[in-house]
């Protein structure tokens, strides 16, 4: 940024949301992200850092970067800009999904955040590994049973279990249904190997088979 005859450098943190707003789920249709989703994330950040007393100014006029935008101002300094990336920019990069962008002025943010005591947990440096299983089960078995068994089996490394598809009907035995379930593993101290993940998945399958009579479809 140029001020009079000098350039002034600022540090910014960017947040971008696009695509579907929720992870795949058997009973939820695909809902595209929108301006309100990003605004919610930004509001949550401000609340956690004790900065929910900001003033917001909405600008519906398009700019070079945004089709419309909202600015958060704190002590007469612009803290955050959020908005929908302009259609012109999206066309330049052949992007078809709407993209929503937030730009946080870290210089202003950190100065204000230093006045607030915040507890946090370090984000893991190591990647997650996902495995999907299609389980053939009796109709009376519910997803909650699968989730409880899985989390009991792998308390440390299994981070997430999600049911993303349910099928009943043609090509299945009478009284049976198929659950498509994803399992996300992560070790906070090292990168998981395929051998480690295969062993955990095999352990889960054995437990599902023993306790629920499940078969791999």
Protein backbone atom coordinates (compact mmCIF):
# COMPACT_ATOMS: atom_id res chain seq x y z
CA UNK A 1 0.00 0.00 0.00
CA UNK A 2 1.38 3.40 -0.97
CA UNK A 3 1.09 6.29 1.48
CA UNK A 4 2.26 9.61 0.07
CA UNK A 5 5.75 8.85 -1.33
CA UNK A 6 6.39 5.67 0.66
CA UNK A 7 5.16 2.11 0.47
CA UNK A 8 3.73 0.52 3.60
CA UNK A 9 3.66 -3.28 3.89
CA UNK A 10 0.89 -5.12 5.76
CA UNK A 11 0.42 -8.82 6.52
CA UNK A 12 -2.88 -10.48 5.66
CA UNK A 13 -4.51 -13.84 6.29
CA UNK A 14 -6.83 -15.11 3.57
CA UNK A 15 -9.84 -17.42 3.93
CA UNK A 16 -11.56 -18.92 0.89
CA UNK A 17 -14.73 -21.02 0.69
CA UNK A 18 -16.27 -22.62 -2.38
CA UNK A 19 -18.01 -25.83 -3.42
CA UNK A 20 -20.39 -27.66 -1.09
CA UNK A 21 -20.98 -26.38 2.42
CA UNK A 22 -21.27 -29.82 4.05
CA UNK A 23 -19.39 -33.07 3.73
CA UNK A 24 -21.08 -35.87 1.82
CA UNK A 25 -23.92 -37.38 3.80
CA UNK A 26 -26.56 -39.95 3.01
CA UNK A 27 -29.52 -37.80 4.13
CA UNK A 28 -28.33 -34.32 3.16
CA UNK A 29 -28.47 -32.87 -0.34
CA UNK A 30 -25.57 -30.87 -1.72
CA UNK A 31 -25.77 -27.24 -0.57
CA UNK A 32 -23.34 -24.77 -2.18
CA UNK A 33 -21.38 -22.45 0.07
CA UNK A 34 -22.52 -18.86 0.12
CA UNK A 35 -21.63 -15.47 1.59
CA UNK A 36 -23.36 -16.30 4.88
CA UNK A 37 -21.14 -19.35 5.46
CA UNK A 38 -17.95 -17.29 5.22
CA UNK A 39 -19.47 -14.49 7.29
CA UNK A 40 -20.28 -17.08 9.96
CA UNK A 41 -16.67 -18.30 10.04
CA UNK A 42 -15.36 -14.75 10.32
CA UNK A 43 -17.85 -13.89 13.07
CA UNK A 44 -16.78 -17.00 14.99
CA UNK A 45 -13.10 -15.96 14.75
CA UNK A 46 -13.90 -12.48 16.02
CA UNK A 47 -15.89 -13.87 18.95
CA UNK A 48 -13.13 -16.29 19.96
CA UNK A 49 -10.61 -13.46 20.05
CA UNK A 50 -12.88 -11.05 21.88
CA UNK A 51 -13.40 -8.76 18.91
CA UNK A 52 -17.15 -9.09 18.44
CA UNK A 53 -17.57 -5.35 19.01
CA UNK A 54 -16.52 -4.45 15.45
CA UNK A 55 -18.61 -2.27 13.13
CA UNK A 56 -19.56 -3.81 9.80
CA UNK A 57 -20.09 -1.82 6.62
CA UNK A 58 -21.77 -3.53 3.63
CA UNK A 59 -20.94 -2.39 0.11
CA UNK A 60 -23.23 -3.76 -2.58
CA UNK A 61 -21.35 -2.02 -5.40
CA UNK A 62 -18.95 -4.18 -7.36
CA UNK A 63 -15.19 -3.56 -7.24
CA UNK A 64 -12.23 -4.96 -9.15
CA UNK A 65 -12.04 -7.87 -6.68
CA UNK A 66 -15.58 -8.30 -5.38
CA UNK A 67 -19.12 -8.35 -6.75
CA UNK A 68 -20.13 -7.20 -3.26
CA UNK A 69 -18.29 -7.00 0.05
CA UNK A 70 -18.52 -6.42 3.78
CA UNK A 71 -15.85 -4.64 5.82
CA UNK A 72 -15.28 -5.01 9.56
CA UNK A 73 -13.86 -1.89 11.21
CA UNK A 74 -12.23 -1.77 14.65
CA UNK A 75 -11.08 1.50 16.22
CA UNK A 76 -11.48 3.20 12.83
CA UNK A 77 -9.13 0.67 11.18
CA UNK A 78 -10.29 -1.87 8.62
CA UNK A 79 -9.81 -5.28 10.19
CA UNK A 80 -11.42 -7.65 7.68
CA UNK A 81 -12.86 -7.57 4.16
CA UNK A 82 -15.13 -10.37 3.00
CA UNK A 83 -17.01 -10.72 -0.25
CA UNK A 84 -17.88 -12.69 -3.36
CA UNK A 85 -15.05 -12.84 -5.90
CA UNK A 86 -16.12 -11.03 -9.07
CA UNK A 87 -17.44 -13.03 -12.00
CA UNK A 88 -14.83 -11.36 -14.21
CA UNK A 89 -11.95 -12.80 -12.16
CA UNK A 90 -13.59 -16.24 -12.00
CA UNK A 91 -13.98 -16.34 -15.78
CA UNK A 92 -10.28 -15.53 -16.21
CA UNK A 93 -9.44 -18.74 -14.30
CA UNK A 94 -12.33 -20.86 -15.65
CA UNK A 95 -13.86 -21.18 -12.17
CA UNK A 96 -17.56 -22.06 -12.31
CA UNK A 97 -18.40 -22.38 -8.60
CA UNK A 98 -18.97 -19.14 -6.69
CA UNK A 99 -15.93 -18.22 -4.58
CA UNK A 100 -16.14 -16.23 -1.33
CA UNK A 101 -13.03 -14.58 0.04
CA UNK A 102 -12.00 -13.03 3.36
CA UNK A 103 -8.91 -10.93 3.94
CA UNK A 104 -7.84 -10.33 7.56
CA UNK A 105 -5.37 -7.57 8.38
CA UNK A 106 -3.07 -9.50 10.70
CA UNK A 107 -1.19 -6.43 11.89
CA UNK A 108 -4.37 -4.93 13.31
CA UNK A 109 -5.79 -8.31 14.36
CA UNK A 110 -2.73 -9.49 16.33
CA UNK A 111 -2.37 -6.17 18.09
CA UNK A 112 -5.96 -6.41 19.32
CA UNK A 113 -5.80 -10.18 20.01
CA UNK A 114 -2.79 -9.72 22.29
CA UNK A 115 -5.14 -8.04 24.75
CA UNK A 116 -7.27 -11.19 25.06
CA UNK A 117 -6.28 -14.47 26.76
CA UNK A 118 -6.89 -17.32 24.32
CA UNK A 119 -6.45 -21.07 24.74
CA UNK A 120 -5.60 -23.05 21.62
CA UNK A 121 -4.42 -26.48 20.45
CA UNK A 122 -1.77 -26.87 17.78
CA UNK A 123 -3.00 -28.23 14.44
CA UNK A 124 -1.41 -31.54 13.49
CA UNK A 125 1.43 -31.32 10.96
CA UNK A 126 0.71 -34.80 9.65
CA UNK A 127 -1.85 -35.75 6.96
CA UNK A 128 -5.11 -37.58 7.47
CA UNK A 129 -5.86 -40.86 5.71
CA UNK A 130 -9.38 -41.78 4.63
CA UNK A 131 -10.74 -45.25 3.95
CA UNK A 132 -14.27 -46.09 2.79
CA UNK A 133 -16.13 -49.32 3.56
CA UNK A 134 -19.40 -50.62 2.14
CA UNK A 135 -20.91 -52.75 4.92
CA UNK A 136 -23.75 -55.24 4.41
CA UNK A 137 -25.87 -55.31 7.58
CA UNK A 138 -29.20 -56.46 8.96
CA UNK A 139 -31.93 -53.83 8.72
CA UNK A 140 -32.16 -53.38 12.49
CA UNK A 141 -28.52 -52.28 12.79
CA UNK A 142 -28.19 -48.49 12.94
CA UNK A 143 -25.29 -46.19 12.12
CA UNK A 144 -24.83 -45.16 15.75
CA UNK A 145 -23.78 -48.73 16.59
CA UNK A 146 -21.12 -48.64 13.87
CA UNK A 147 -19.79 -45.30 15.06
CA UNK A 148 -19.61 -46.37 18.72
CA UNK A 149 -17.77 -49.61 17.90
CA UNK A 150 -15.31 -47.80 15.62
CA UNK A 151 -14.45 -45.08 18.13
CA UNK A 152 -14.14 -47.65 20.91
CA UNK A 153 -11.77 -49.70 18.76
CA UNK A 154 -9.45 -46.86 17.70
CA UNK A 155 -9.72 -44.10 20.30
CA UNK A 156 -6.36 -42.50 19.50
CA UNK A 157 -5.97 -42.50 15.72
CA UNK A 158 -9.54 -42.58 14.39
CA UNK A 159 -10.55 -38.92 14.11
CA UNK A 160 -13.82 -39.07 12.20
CA UNK A 161 -16.55 -41.51 11.12
CA UNK A 162 -19.17 -40.52 8.57
CA UNK A 163 -22.11 -42.29 6.91
CA UNK A 164 -22.34 -41.00 3.32
CA UNK A 165 -24.69 -43.46 1.63
CA UNK A 166 -27.43 -45.96 2.51
CA UNK A 167 -28.82 -48.49 0.05
CA UNK A 168 -31.70 -50.91 0.37
CA UNK A 169 -33.45 -52.86 -2.35
CA UNK A 170 -32.42 -54.50 -5.60
CA UNK A 171 -29.45 -56.91 -5.55
CA UNK A 172 -29.42 -57.12 -1.74
CA UNK A 173 -30.64 -60.02 0.38
CA UNK A 174 -34.04 -59.55 1.99
CA UNK A 175 -33.73 -57.88 5.39
CA UNK A 176 -30.33 -56.41 4.52
CA UNK A 177 -29.05 -52.91 3.79
CA UNK A 178 -25.73 -51.42 2.76
CA UNK A 179 -24.00 -48.60 4.63
CA UNK A 180 -21.16 -46.71 2.94
CA UNK A 181 -19.01 -45.36 5.77
CA UNK A 182 -15.83 -43.29 5.71
CA UNK A 183 -13.12 -43.47 8.37
CA UNK A 184 -10.48 -40.75 8.78
CA UNK A 185 -7.23 -41.61 10.60
CA UNK A 186 -4.46 -39.33 11.80
CA UNK A 187 -1.43 -39.57 14.05
CA UNK A 188 -0.39 -36.25 15.60
CA UNK A 189 3.22 -37.41 15.97
CA UNK A 190 4.05 -39.02 12.62
CA UNK A 191 2.75 -39.87 9.16
CA UNK A 192 0.67 -43.04 9.06
CA UNK A 193 1.78 -45.81 6.70
CA UNK A 194 -0.52 -47.91 4.52
CA UNK A 195 0.38 -50.95 6.62
CA UNK A 196 -0.74 -49.23 9.84
CA UNK A 197 -4.01 -48.05 8.30
CA UNK A 198 -4.70 -51.48 6.77
CA UNK A 199 -4.30 -53.08 10.19
CA UNK A 200 -6.74 -50.63 11.79
CA UNK A 201 -9.29 -51.16 9.02
CA UNK A 202 -8.94 -54.94 9.38
CA UNK A 203 -9.48 -54.62 13.14
CA UNK A 204 -12.62 -52.54 12.51
CA UNK A 205 -13.97 -55.09 10.04
CA UNK A 206 -13.45 -57.91 12.52
CA UNK A 207 -15.30 -55.99 15.23
CA UNK A 208 -18.17 -55.11 12.90
CA UNK A 209 -18.39 -58.75 11.87
CA UNK A 210 -18.29 -60.07 15.45
CA UNK A 211 -20.62 -57.53 17.06
CA UNK A 212 -22.98 -56.67 14.19
CA UNK A 213 -22.71 -59.57 11.77
CA UNK A 214 -21.45 -57.16 9.10
CA UNK A 215 -19.98 -58.27 5.78
CA UNK A 216 -17.88 -56.29 3.33
CA UNK A 217 -19.96 -55.64 0.23
